[in-house]
Amino acid sequence: ISTQANVCSWLTVNFWKNMGADLCVLGREVSFDEAVEIRKKC
């Protein structure tokens, strides 16, 4: 899932995972702390 899809939350990452995505590129607007939380939840 490209950065242009604006993946900025763990909820969106889980959506794409459930759709069958292999990888999500996190948006540049995601802070490090947010990215770490996404990593833990996904």
PDB file of all heavy atoms in Angstrom:
ATOM      1  N   ILE A   1       0.846  -1.187   0.000  1.00  0.00           N
ATOM      2  CA  ILE A   1       0.000   0.000   0.000  1.00  0.00           C
ATOM      3  C   ILE A   1       0.884   1.241   0.000  1.00  0.00           C
ATOM      4  O   ILE A   1       1.674   1.466   0.907  1.00  0.00           O
ATOM      5  CB  ILE A   1      -0.946   0.003   1.206  1.00  0.00           C
ATOM      6  CG1 ILE A   1      -1.759  -1.299   1.238  1.00  0.00           C
ATOM      7  CG2 ILE A   1      -1.876   1.207   1.143  1.00  0.00           C
ATOM      8  CD1 ILE A   1      -2.516  -1.595  -0.043  1.00  0.00           C
ATOM      9  N   SER A   2       0.733   2.064  -1.026  1.00  0.00           N
ATOM     10  CA  SER A   2       1.586   3.224  -1.259  1.00  0.00           C
ATOM     11  C   SER A   2       1.409   4.297  -0.192  1.00  0.00           C
ATOM     12  O   SER A   2       0.363   4.403   0.457  1.00  0.00           O
ATOM     13  CB  SER A   2       1.263   3.816  -2.635  1.00  0.00           C
ATOM     14  OG  SER A   2       1.877   5.070  -2.815  1.00  0.00           O
ATOM     15  N   THR A   3       2.425   5.148  -0.073  1.00  0.00           N
ATOM     16  CA  THR A   3       2.320   6.315   0.813  1.00  0.00           C
ATOM     17  C   THR A   3       1.171   7.225   0.400  1.00  0.00           C
ATOM     18  O   THR A   3       0.605   7.932   1.229  1.00  0.00           O
ATOM     19  CB  THR A   3       3.639   7.114   0.813  1.00  0.00           C
ATOM     20  OG1 THR A   3       3.534   8.204   1.717  1.00  0.00           O
ATOM     21  CG2 THR A   3       3.966   7.667  -0.577  1.00  0.00           C
ATOM     22  N   GLN A   4       0.792   7.207  -0.886  1.00  0.00           N
ATOM     23  CA  GLN A   4      -0.290   8.065  -1.346  1.00  0.00           C
ATOM     24  C   GLN A   4      -1.661   7.625  -0.834  1.00  0.00           C
ATOM     25  O   GLN A   4      -2.633   8.357  -0.953  1.00  0.00           O
ATOM     26  CB  GLN A   4      -0.294   8.136  -2.870  1.00  0.00           C
ATOM     27  CG  GLN A   4       0.880   8.930  -3.433  1.00  0.00           C
ATOM     28  CD  GLN A   4       0.734   9.188  -4.917  1.00  0.00           C
ATOM     29  OE1 GLN A   4       0.668   8.258  -5.707  1.00  0.00           O
ATOM     30  NE2 GLN A   4       0.669  10.445  -5.292  1.00  0.00           N
ATOM     31  N   ALA A   5      -1.719   6.449  -0.248  1.00  0.00           N
ATOM     32  CA  ALA A   5      -2.975   5.996   0.343  1.00  0.00           C
ATOM     33  C   ALA A   5      -3.191   6.588   1.728  1.00  0.00           C
ATOM     34  O   ALA A   5      -4.232   6.339   2.357  1.00  0.00           O
ATOM     35  CB  ALA A   5      -3.003   4.467   0.412  1.00  0.00           C
ATOM     36  N   ASN A   6      -2.218   7.360   2.225  1.00  0.00           N
ATOM     37  CA  ASN A   6      -2.369   8.082   3.499  1.00  0.00           C
ATOM     38  C   ASN A   6      -2.627   7.153   4.684  1.00  0.00           C
ATOM     39  O   ASN A   6      -3.550   7.372   5.469  1.00  0.00           O
ATOM     40  CB  ASN A   6      -3.492   9.124   3.417  1.00  0.00           C
ATOM     41  CG  ASN A   6      -3.387  10.012   2.200  1.00  0.00           C
ATOM     42  OD1 ASN A   6      -4.358  10.231   1.502  1.00  0.00           O
ATOM     43  ND2 ASN A   6      -2.206  10.530   1.926  1.00  0.00           N
ATOM     44  N   VAL A   7      -1.811   6.138   4.817  1.00  0.00           N
ATOM     45  CA  VAL A   7      -1.949   5.217   5.950  1.00  0.00           C
ATOM     46  C   VAL A   7      -1.265   5.839   7.162  1.00  0.00           C
ATOM     47  O   VAL A   7      -0.041   5.903   7.240  1.00  0.00           O
ATOM     48  CB  VAL A   7      -1.334   3.847   5.628  1.00  0.00           C
ATOM     49  CG1 VAL A   7      -1.423   2.926   6.841  1.00  0.00           C
ATOM     50  CG2 VAL A   7      -2.041   3.214   4.437  1.00  0.00           C
ATOM     51  N   CYS A   8      -2.067   6.313   8.116  1.00  0.00           N
ATOM     52  CA  CYS A   8      -1.517   7.048   9.259  1.00  0.00           C
ATOM     53  C   CYS A   8      -2.000   6.515  10.608  1.00  0.00           C
ATOM     54  O   CYS A   8      -1.744   7.159  11.636  1.00  0.00           O
ATOM     55  CB  CYS A   8      -1.865   8.535   9.147  1.00  0.00           C
ATOM     56  SG  CYS A   8      -1.098   9.370   7.733  1.00  0.00           S
ATOM     57  N   SER A   9      -2.688   5.385  10.629  1.00  0.00           N
ATOM     58  CA  SER A   9      -3.159   4.841  11.900  1.00  0.00           C
ATOM     59  C   SER A   9      -3.147   3.324  11.862  1.00  0.00           C
ATOM     60  O   SER A   9      -3.184   2.706  10.794  1.00  0.00           O
ATOM     61  CB  SER A   9      -4.577   5.331  12.203  1.00  0.00           C
ATOM     62  OG  SER A   9      -5.532   4.644  11.408  1.00  0.00           O
ATOM     63  N   TRP A  10      -3.139   2.724  13.058  1.00  0.00           N
ATOM     64  CA  TRP A  10      -3.163   1.263  13.128  1.00  0.00           C
ATOM     65  C   TRP A  10      -4.501   0.708  12.629  1.00  0.00           C
ATOM     66  O   TRP A  10      -4.563  -0.393  12.098  1.00  0.00           O
ATOM     67  CB  TRP A  10      -2.879   0.785  14.548  1.00  0.00           C
ATOM     68  CG  TRP A  10      -3.824   1.267  15.611  1.00  0.00           C
ATOM     69  CD1 TRP A  10      -3.657   2.332  16.444  1.00  0.00           C
ATOM     70  CD2 TRP A  10      -5.077   0.670  15.967  1.00  0.00           C
ATOM     71  NE1 TRP A  10      -4.727   2.451  17.293  1.00  0.00           N
ATOM     72  CE2 TRP A  10      -5.613   1.440  17.030  1.00  0.00           C
ATOM     73  CE3 TRP A  10      -5.804  -0.423  15.510  1.00  0.00           C
ATOM     74  CZ2 TRP A  10      -6.835   1.151  17.631  1.00  0.00           C
ATOM     75  CZ3 TRP A  10      -7.021  -0.721  16.098  1.00  0.00           C
ATOM     76  CH2 TRP A  10      -7.528   0.067  17.144  1.00  0.00           C
ATOM     77  N   LEU A  11      -5.563   1.496  12.750  1.00  0.00           N
ATOM     78  CA  LEU A  11      -6.865   1.061  12.253  1.00  0.00           C
ATOM     79  C   LEU A  11      -6.828   0.877  10.737  1.00  0.00           C
ATOM     80  O   LEU A  11      -7.345  -0.116  10.201  1.00  0.00           O
ATOM     81  CB  LEU A  11      -7.938   2.086  12.630  1.00  0.00           C
ATOM     82  CG  LEU A  11      -9.399   1.698  12.328  1.00  0.00           C
ATOM     83  CD1 LEU A  11      -9.841   0.549  13.234  1.00  0.00           C
ATOM     84  CD2 LEU A  11     -10.317   2.908  12.500  1.00  0.00           C
ATOM     85  N   THR A  12      -6.190   1.837  10.041  1.00  0.00           N
ATOM     86  CA  THR A  12      -6.084   1.752   8.579  1.00  0.00           C
ATOM     87  C   THR A  12      -5.162   0.615   8.164  1.00  0.00           C
ATOM     88  O   THR A  12      -5.421  -0.088   7.177  1.00  0.00           O
ATOM     89  CB  THR A  12      -5.580   3.090   8.018  1.00  0.00           C
ATOM     90  OG1 THR A  12      -6.412   4.148   8.496  1.00  0.00           O
ATOM     91  CG2 THR A  12      -5.608   3.086   6.495  1.00  0.00           C
ATOM     92  N   VAL A  13      -4.063   0.436   8.901  1.00  0.00           N
ATOM     93  CA  VAL A  13      -3.169  -0.680   8.606  1.00  0.00           C
ATOM     94  C   VAL A  13      -3.925  -2.000   8.729  1.00  0.00           C
ATOM     95  O   VAL A  13      -3.817  -2.890   7.860  1.00  0.00           O
ATOM     96  CB  VAL A  13      -1.946  -0.673   9.547  1.00  0.00           C
ATOM     97  CG1 VAL A  13      -1.132  -1.959   9.380  1.00  0.00           C
ATOM     98  CG2 VAL A  13      -1.066   0.531   9.267  1.00  0.00           C
ATOM     99  N   ASN A  14      -4.720  -2.153   9.790  1.00  0.00           N
ATOM    100  CA  ASN A  14      -5.491  -3.393   9.957  1.00  0.00           C
ATOM    101  C   ASN A  14      -6.516  -3.578   8.851  1.00  0.00           C
ATOM    102  O   ASN A  14      -6.793  -4.708   8.428  1.00  0.00           O
ATOM    103  CB  ASN A  14      -6.182  -3.399  11.325  1.00  0.00           C
ATOM    104  CG  ASN A  14      -5.253  -3.831  12.438  1.00  0.00           C
ATOM    105  OD1 ASN A  14      -4.302  -4.575  12.193  1.00  0.00           O
ATOM    106  ND2 ASN A  14      -5.515  -3.381  13.651  1.00  0.00           N
ATOM    107  N   PHE A  15      -7.093  -2.478   8.371  1.00  0.00           N
ATOM    108  CA  PHE A  15      -8.026  -2.570   7.246  1.00  0.00           C
ATOM    109  C   PHE A  15      -7.340  -3.200   6.040  1.00  0.00           C
ATOM    110  O   PHE A  15      -7.855  -4.147   5.432  1.00  0.00           O
ATOM    111  CB  PHE A  15      -8.562  -1.187   6.889  1.00  0.00           C
ATOM    112  CG  PHE A  15      -9.247  -1.136   5.544  1.00  0.00           C
ATOM    113  CD1 PHE A  15     -10.560  -1.534   5.406  1.00  0.00           C
ATOM    114  CD2 PHE A  15      -8.560  -0.701   4.404  1.00  0.00           C
ATOM    115  CE1 PHE A  15     -11.189  -1.507   4.167  1.00  0.00           C
ATOM    116  CE2 PHE A  15      -9.178  -0.667   3.170  1.00  0.00           C
ATOM    117  CZ  PHE A  15     -10.503  -1.079   3.040  1.00  0.00           C
ATOM    118  N   TRP A  16      -6.151  -2.657   5.681  1.00  0.00           N
ATOM    119  CA  TRP A  16      -5.447  -3.164   4.504  1.00  0.00           C
ATOM    120  C   TRP A  16      -4.939  -4.595   4.736  1.00  0.00           C
ATOM    121  O   TRP A  16      -4.927  -5.406   3.809  1.00  0.00           O
ATOM    122  CB  TRP A  16      -4.296  -2.236   4.130  1.00  0.00           C
ATOM    123  CG  TRP A  16      -4.763  -0.988   3.445  1.00  0.00           C
ATOM    124  CD1 TRP A  16      -4.710   0.286   3.906  1.00  0.00           C
ATOM    125  CD2 TRP A  16      -5.374  -0.915   2.144  1.00  0.00           C
ATOM    126  NE1 TRP A  16      -5.248   1.155   2.988  1.00  0.00           N
ATOM    127  CE2 TRP A  16      -5.656   0.444   1.889  1.00  0.00           C
ATOM    128  CE3 TRP A  16      -5.705  -1.860   1.167  1.00  0.00           C
ATOM    129  CZ2 TRP A  16      -6.251   0.882   0.711  1.00  0.00           C
ATOM    130  CZ3 TRP A  16      -6.303  -1.432  -0.015  1.00  0.00           C
ATOM    131  CH2 TRP A  16      -6.565  -0.075  -0.231  1.00  0.00           C
ATOM    132  N   LYS A  17      -4.563  -4.898   5.956  1.00  0.00           N
ATOM    133  CA  LYS A  17      -4.155  -6.272   6.264  1.00  0.00           C
ATOM    134  C   LYS A  17      -5.313  -7.229   6.025  1.00  0.00           C
ATOM    135  O   LYS A  17      -5.146  -8.296   5.410  1.00  0.00           O
ATOM    136  CB  LYS A  17      -3.687  -6.352   7.721  1.00  0.00           C
ATOM    137  CG  LYS A  17      -3.243  -7.746   8.146  1.00  0.00           C
ATOM    138  CD  LYS A  17      -3.114  -7.862   9.648  1.00  0.00           C
ATOM    139  CE  LYS A  17      -4.493  -7.863  10.303  1.00  0.00           C
ATOM    140  NZ  LYS A  17      -4.424  -8.105  11.759  1.00  0.00           N
ATOM    141  N   ASN A  18      -6.500  -6.854   6.485  1.00  0.00           N
ATOM    142  CA  ASN A  18      -7.673  -7.711   6.303  1.00  0.00           C
ATOM    143  C   ASN A  18      -8.091  -7.821   4.844  1.00  0.00           C
ATOM    144  O   ASN A  18      -8.734  -8.804   4.450  1.00  0.00           O
ATOM    145  CB  ASN A  18      -8.840  -7.183   7.143  1.00  0.00           C
ATOM    146  CG  ASN A  18      -8.584  -7.307   8.635  1.00  0.00           C
ATOM    147  OD1 ASN A  18      -7.818  -8.174   9.063  1.00  0.00           O
ATOM    148  ND2 ASN A  18      -9.190  -6.436   9.431  1.00  0.00           N
ATOM    149  N   MET A  19      -7.714  -6.825   4.048  1.00  0.00           N
ATOM    150  CA  MET A  19      -7.990  -6.880   2.608  1.00  0.00           C
ATOM    151  C   MET A  19      -6.999  -7.768   1.876  1.00  0.00           C
ATOM    152  O   MET A  19      -7.209  -8.125   0.722  1.00  0.00           O
ATOM    153  CB  MET A  19      -7.939  -5.467   2.020  1.00  0.00           C
ATOM    154  CG  MET A  19      -9.085  -4.564   2.458  1.00  0.00           C
ATOM    155  SD  MET A  19     -10.679  -5.077   1.770  1.00  0.00           S
ATOM    156  CE  MET A  19     -10.442  -4.673   0.039  1.00  0.00           C
ATOM    157  N   GLY A  20      -5.896  -8.113   2.555  1.00  0.00           N
ATOM    158  CA  GLY A  20      -4.906  -8.995   1.947  1.00  0.00           C
ATOM    159  C   GLY A  20      -3.606  -8.337   1.563  1.00  0.00           C
ATOM    160  O   GLY A  20      -2.793  -8.935   0.842  1.00  0.00           O
ATOM    161  N   ALA A  21      -3.367  -7.105   2.045  1.00  0.00           N
ATOM    162  CA  ALA A  21      -2.111  -6.422   1.733  1.00  0.00           C
ATOM    163  C   ALA A  21      -0.941  -7.106   2.434  1.00  0.00           C
ATOM    164  O   ALA A  21      -1.065  -7.607   3.556  1.00  0.00           O
ATOM    165  CB  ALA A  21      -2.187  -4.956   2.143  1.00  0.00           C
ATOM    166  N   ASP A  22       0.196  -7.102   1.773  1.00  0.00           N
ATOM    167  CA  ASP A  22       1.412  -7.696   2.335  1.00  0.00           C
ATOM    168  C   ASP A  22       2.204  -6.680   3.147  1.00  0.00           C
ATOM    169  O   ASP A  22       2.887  -7.031   4.102  1.00  0.00           O
ATOM    170  CB  ASP A  22       2.285  -8.244   1.198  1.00  0.00           C
ATOM    171  CG  ASP A  22       3.568  -8.884   1.698  1.00  0.00           C
ATOM    172  OD1 ASP A  22       3.489  -9.979   2.279  1.00  0.00           O
ATOM    173  OD2 ASP A  22       4.652  -8.275   1.519  1.00  0.00           O
ATOM    174  N   LEU A  23       2.112  -5.392   2.764  1.00  0.00           N
ATOM    175  CA  LEU A  23       2.906  -4.332   3.399  1.00  0.00           C
ATOM    176  C   LEU A  23       2.162  -3.014   3.298  1.00  0.00           C
ATOM    177  O   LEU A  23       1.478  -2.750   2.301  1.00  0.00           O
ATOM    178  CB  LEU A  23       4.282  -4.231   2.721  1.00  0.00           C
ATOM    179  CG  LEU A  23       5.240  -3.123   3.127  1.00  0.00           C
ATOM    180  CD1 LEU A  23       6.695  -3.602   3.032  1.00  0.00           C
ATOM    181  CD2 LEU A  23       5.061  -1.871   2.265  1.00  0.00           C
ATOM    182  N   CYS A  24       2.323  -2.157   4.301  1.00  0.00           N
ATOM    183  CA  CYS A  24       1.806  -0.795   4.265  1.00  0.00           C
ATOM    184  C   CYS A  24       2.961   0.191   4.401  1.00  0.00           C
ATOM    185  O   CYS A  24       3.794   0.055   5.309  1.00  0.00           O
ATOM    186  CB  CYS A  24       0.809  -0.546   5.391  1.00  0.00           C
ATOM    187  SG  CYS A  24      -0.862  -1.117   5.052  1.00  0.00           S
ATOM    188  N   VAL A  25       2.994   1.177   3.498  1.00  0.00           N
ATOM    189  CA  VAL A  25       3.937   2.281   3.631  1.00  0.00           C
ATOM    190  C   VAL A  25       3.248   3.356   4.472  1.00  0.00           C
ATOM    191  O   VAL A  25       2.214   3.889   4.077  1.00  0.00           O
ATOM    192  CB  VAL A  25       4.322   2.866   2.257  1.00  0.00           C
ATOM    193  CG1 VAL A  25       5.397   3.948   2.430  1.00  0.00           C
ATOM    194  CG2 VAL A  25       4.816   1.773   1.322  1.00  0.00           C
ATOM    195  N   LEU A  26       3.809   3.673   5.625  1.00  0.00           N
ATOM    196  CA  LEU A  26       3.205   4.681   6.480  1.00  0.00           C
ATOM    197  C   LEU A  26       3.397   6.070   5.877  1.00  0.00           C
ATOM    198  O   LEU A  26       4.451   6.375   5.309  1.00  0.00           O
ATOM    199  CB  LEU A  26       3.809   4.630   7.884  1.00  0.00           C
ATOM    200  CG  LEU A  26       3.616   3.318   8.649  1.00  0.00           C
ATOM    201  CD1 LEU A  26       4.166   3.453  10.068  1.00  0.00           C
ATOM    202  CD2 LEU A  26       2.154   2.906   8.673  1.00  0.00           C
ATOM    203  N   GLY A  27       2.384   6.910   6.005  1.00  0.00           N
ATOM    204  CA  GLY A  27       2.473   8.269   5.485  1.00  0.00           C
ATOM    205  C   GLY A  27       3.586   9.049   6.154  1.00  0.00           C
ATOM    206  O   GLY A  27       3.923   8.813   7.323  1.00  0.00           O
ATOM    207  N   ARG A  28       4.159  10.001   5.426  1.00  0.00           N
ATOM    208  CA  ARG A  28       5.230  10.816   5.988  1.00  0.00           C
ATOM    209  C   ARG A  28       4.737  11.637   7.189  1.00  0.00           C
ATOM    210  O   ARG A  28       5.541  12.140   7.970  1.00  0.00           O
ATOM    211  CB  ARG A  28       5.783  11.765   4.921  1.00  0.00           C
ATOM    212  CG  ARG A  28       6.572  11.079   3.803  1.00  0.00           C
ATOM    213  CD  ARG A  28       6.929  12.136   2.762  1.00  0.00           C
ATOM    214  NE  ARG A  28       7.762  11.650   1.691  1.00  0.00           N
ATOM    215  CZ  ARG A  28       7.318  11.065   0.590  1.00  0.00           C
ATOM    216  NH1 ARG A  28       6.016  10.871   0.457  1.00  0.00           N
ATOM    217  NH2 ARG A  28       8.142  10.688  -0.371  1.00  0.00           N
ATOM    218  N   GLU A  29       3.433  11.805   7.312  1.00  0.00           N
ATOM    219  CA  GLU A  29       2.872  12.619   8.389  1.00  0.00           C
ATOM    220  C   GLU A  29       2.794  11.878   9.728  1.00  0.00           C
ATOM    221  O   GLU A  29       2.385  12.443  10.742  1.00  0.00           O
ATOM    222  CB  GLU A  29       1.468  13.102   8.001  1.00  0.00           C
ATOM    223  CG  GLU A  29       1.433  13.986   6.778  1.00  0.00           C
ATOM    224  CD  GLU A  29       1.551  13.219   5.469  1.00  0.00           C
ATOM    225  OE1 GLU A  29       1.328  11.989   5.461  1.00  0.00           O
ATOM    226  OE2 GLU A  29       1.869  13.851   4.449  1.00  0.00           O
ATOM    227  N   VAL A  30       3.182  10.612   9.747  1.00  0.00           N
ATOM    228  CA  VAL A  30       3.146   9.811  10.968  1.00  0.00           C
ATOM    229  C   VAL A  30       4.398  10.086  11.789  1.00  0.00           C
ATOM    230  O   VAL A  30       5.519   9.990  11.282  1.00  0.00           O
ATOM    231  CB  VAL A  30       3.063   8.310  10.627  1.00  0.00           C
ATOM    232  CG1 VAL A  30       3.135   7.461  11.885  1.00  0.00           C
ATOM    233  CG2 VAL A  30       1.785   8.019   9.855  1.00  0.00           C
ATOM    234  N   SER A  31       4.218  10.432  13.062  1.00  0.00           N
ATOM    235  CA  SER A  31       5.368  10.653  13.931  1.00  0.00           C
ATOM    236  C   SER A  31       5.985   9.315  14.319  1.00  0.00           C
ATOM    237  O   SER A  31       5.369   8.248  14.143  1.00  0.00           O
ATOM    238  CB  SER A  31       4.947  11.403  15.194  1.00  0.00           C
ATOM    239  OG  SER A  31       4.160  10.567  16.037  1.00  0.00           O
ATOM    240  N   PHE A  32       7.181   9.361  14.895  1.00  0.00           N
ATOM    241  CA  PHE A  32       7.847   8.122  15.315  1.00  0.00           C
ATOM    242  C   PHE A  32       7.039   7.414  16.401  1.00  0.00           C
ATOM    243  O   PHE A  32       6.859   6.191  16.345  1.00  0.00           O
ATOM    244  CB  PHE A  32       9.253   8.439  15.819  1.00  0.00           C
ATOM    245  CG  PHE A  32       9.976   7.225  16.340  1.00  0.00           C
ATOM    246  CD1 PHE A  32      10.399   6.231  15.478  1.00  0.00           C
ATOM    247  CD2 PHE A  32      10.210   7.079  17.704  1.00  0.00           C
ATOM    248  CE1 PHE A  32      11.061   5.102  15.954  1.00  0.00           C
ATOM    249  CE2 PHE A  32      10.869   5.956  18.187  1.00  0.00           C
ATOM    250  CZ  PHE A  32      11.301   4.966  17.316  1.00  0.00           C
ATOM    251  N   ASP A  33       6.547   8.161  17.368  1.00  0.00           N
ATOM    252  CA  ASP A  33       5.758   7.540  18.441  1.00  0.00           C
ATOM    253  C   ASP A  33       4.507   6.870  17.893  1.00  0.00           C
ATOM    254  O   ASP A  33       4.120   5.777  18.338  1.00  0.00           O
ATOM    255  CB  ASP A  33       5.372   8.592  19.485  1.00  0.00           C
ATOM    256  CG  ASP A  33       6.561   9.047  20.316  1.00  0.00           C
ATOM    257  OD1 ASP A  33       7.595   8.344  20.309  1.00  0.00           O
ATOM    258  OD2 ASP A  33       6.466  10.110  20.963  1.00  0.00           O
ATOM    259  N   GLU A  34       3.862   7.512  16.923  1.00  0.00           N
ATOM    260  CA  GLU A  34       2.686   6.904  16.293  1.00  0.00           C
ATOM    261  C   GLU A  34       3.076   5.641  15.536  1.00  0.00           C
ATOM    262  O   GLU A  34       2.361   4.623  15.579  1.00  0.00           O
ATOM    263  CB  GLU A  34       2.030   7.894  15.332  1.00  0.00           C
ATOM    264  CG  GLU A  34       1.340   9.060  16.002  1.00  0.00           C
ATOM    265  CD  GLU A  34       0.788  10.054  15.000  1.00  0.00           C
ATOM    266  OE1 GLU A  34       1.532  10.443  14.067  1.00  0.00           O
ATOM    267  OE2 GLU A  34      -0.380  10.442  15.139  1.00  0.00           O
ATOM    268  N   ALA A  35       4.212   5.696  14.831  1.00  0.00           N
ATOM    269  CA  ALA A  35       4.670   4.537  14.065  1.00  0.00           C
ATOM    270  C   ALA A  35       4.984   3.364  14.985  1.00  0.00           C
ATOM    271  O   ALA A  35       4.687   2.204  14.660  1.00  0.00           O
ATOM    272  CB  ALA A  35       5.893   4.911  13.243  1.00  0.00           C
ATOM    273  N   VAL A  36       5.581   3.656  16.149  1.00  0.00           N
ATOM    274  CA  VAL A  36       5.887   2.598  17.110  1.00  0.00           C
ATOM    275  C   VAL A  36       4.604   1.966  17.629  1.00  0.00           C
ATOM    276  O   VAL A  36       4.505   0.732  17.770  1.00  0.00           O
ATOM    277  CB  VAL A  36       6.723   3.161  18.273  1.00  0.00           C
ATOM    278  CG1 VAL A  36       6.827   2.148  19.406  1.00  0.00           C
ATOM    279  CG2 VAL A  36       8.127   3.541  17.787  1.00  0.00           C
ATOM    280  N   GLU A  37       3.590   2.784  17.888  1.00  0.00           N
ATOM    281  CA  GLU A  37       2.306   2.258  18.344  1.00  0.00           C
ATOM    282  C   GLU A  37       1.667   1.374  17.272  1.00  0.00           C
ATOM    283  O   GLU A  37       1.117   0.302  17.565  1.00  0.00           O
ATOM    284  CB  GLU A  37       1.357   3.397  18.712  1.00  0.00           C
ATOM    285  CG  GLU A  37       0.019   2.918  19.262  1.00  0.00           C
ATOM    286  CD  GLU A  37      -0.918   4.055  19.624  1.00  0.00           C
ATOM    287  OE1 GLU A  37      -0.559   5.222  19.397  1.00  0.00           O
ATOM    288  OE2 GLU A  37      -2.028   3.766  20.114  1.00  0.00           O
ATOM    289  N   ILE A  38       1.757   1.830  16.019  1.00  0.00           N
ATOM    290  CA  ILE A  38       1.230   1.026  14.911  1.00  0.00           C
ATOM    291  C   ILE A  38       1.963  -0.308  14.830  1.00  0.00           C
ATOM    292  O   ILE A  38       1.342  -1.363  14.647  1.00  0.00           O
ATOM    293  CB  ILE A  38       1.347   1.799  13.579  1.00  0.00           C
ATOM    294  CG1 ILE A  38       0.407   3.007  13.584  1.00  0.00           C
ATOM    295  CG2 ILE A  38       1.028   0.887  12.397  1.00  0.00           C
ATOM    296  CD1 ILE A  38       0.612   3.949  12.416  1.00  0.00           C
ATOM    297  N   ARG A  39       3.292  -0.262  14.996  1.00  0.00           N
ATOM    298  CA  ARG A  39       4.085  -1.492  14.953  1.00  0.00           C
ATOM    299  C   ARG A  39       3.635  -2.469  16.034  1.00  0.00           C
ATOM    300  O   ARG A  39       3.512  -3.684  15.801  1.00  0.00           O
ATOM    301  CB  ARG A  39       5.546  -1.134  15.121  1.00  0.00           C
ATOM    302  CG  ARG A  39       6.534  -2.298  15.213  1.00  0.00           C
ATOM    303  CD  ARG A  39       6.765  -3.020  13.894  1.00  0.00           C
ATOM    304  NE  ARG A  39       5.589  -3.765  13.431  1.00  0.00           N
ATOM    305  CZ  ARG A  39       5.499  -4.347  12.239  1.00  0.00           C
ATOM    306  NH1 ARG A  39       6.479  -4.252  11.369  1.00  0.00           N
ATOM    307  NH2 ARG A  39       4.415  -5.008  11.897  1.00  0.00           N
ATOM    308  N   LYS A  40       3.360  -1.969  17.240  1.00  0.00           N
ATOM    309  CA  LYS A  40       2.964  -2.824  18.349  1.00  0.00           C
ATOM    310  C   LYS A  40       1.572  -3.428  18.136  1.00  0.00           C
ATOM    311  O   LYS A  40       1.318  -4.578  18.492  1.00  0.00           O
ATOM    312  CB  LYS A  40       3.003  -2.036  19.648  1.00  0.00           C
ATOM    313  CG  LYS A  40       4.412  -1.692  20.117  1.00  0.00           C
ATOM    314  CD  LYS A  40       4.393  -0.875  21.395  1.00  0.00           C
ATOM    315  CE  LYS A  40       5.809  -0.550  21.855  1.00  0.00           C
ATOM    316  NZ  LYS A  40       5.813   0.290  23.085  1.00  0.00           N
ATOM    317  N   LYS A  41       0.675  -2.644  17.563  1.00  0.00           N
ATOM    318  CA  LYS A  41      -0.698  -3.106  17.385  1.00  0.00           C
ATOM    319  C   LYS A  41      -0.889  -3.936  16.116  1.00  0.00           C
ATOM    320  O   LYS A  41      -1.894  -4.639  15.975  1.00  0.00           O
ATOM    321  CB  LYS A  41      -1.652  -1.911  17.348  1.00  0.00           C
ATOM    322  CG  LYS A  41      -1.842  -1.222  18.706  1.00  0.00           C
ATOM    323  CD  LYS A  41      -2.824  -0.073  18.581  1.00  0.00           C
ATOM    324  CE  LYS A  41      -3.060   0.596  19.932  1.00  0.00           C
ATOM    325  NZ  LYS A  41      -3.817  -0.260  20.861  1.00  0.00           N
ATOM    326  N   CYS A  42       0.066  -3.828  15.199  1.00  0.00           N
ATOM    327  CA  CYS A  42      -0.059  -4.514  13.894  1.00  0.00           C
ATOM    328  C   CYS A  42       1.190  -5.346  13.650  1.00  0.00           C
ATOM    329  O   CYS A  42       1.986  -5.064  12.736  1.00  0.00           O
ATOM    330  CB  CYS A  42      -0.268  -3.508  12.769  1.00  0.00           C
ATOM    331  SG  CYS A  42      -1.622  -2.353  13.038  1.00  0.00           S
TER     332      CYS A  42
END
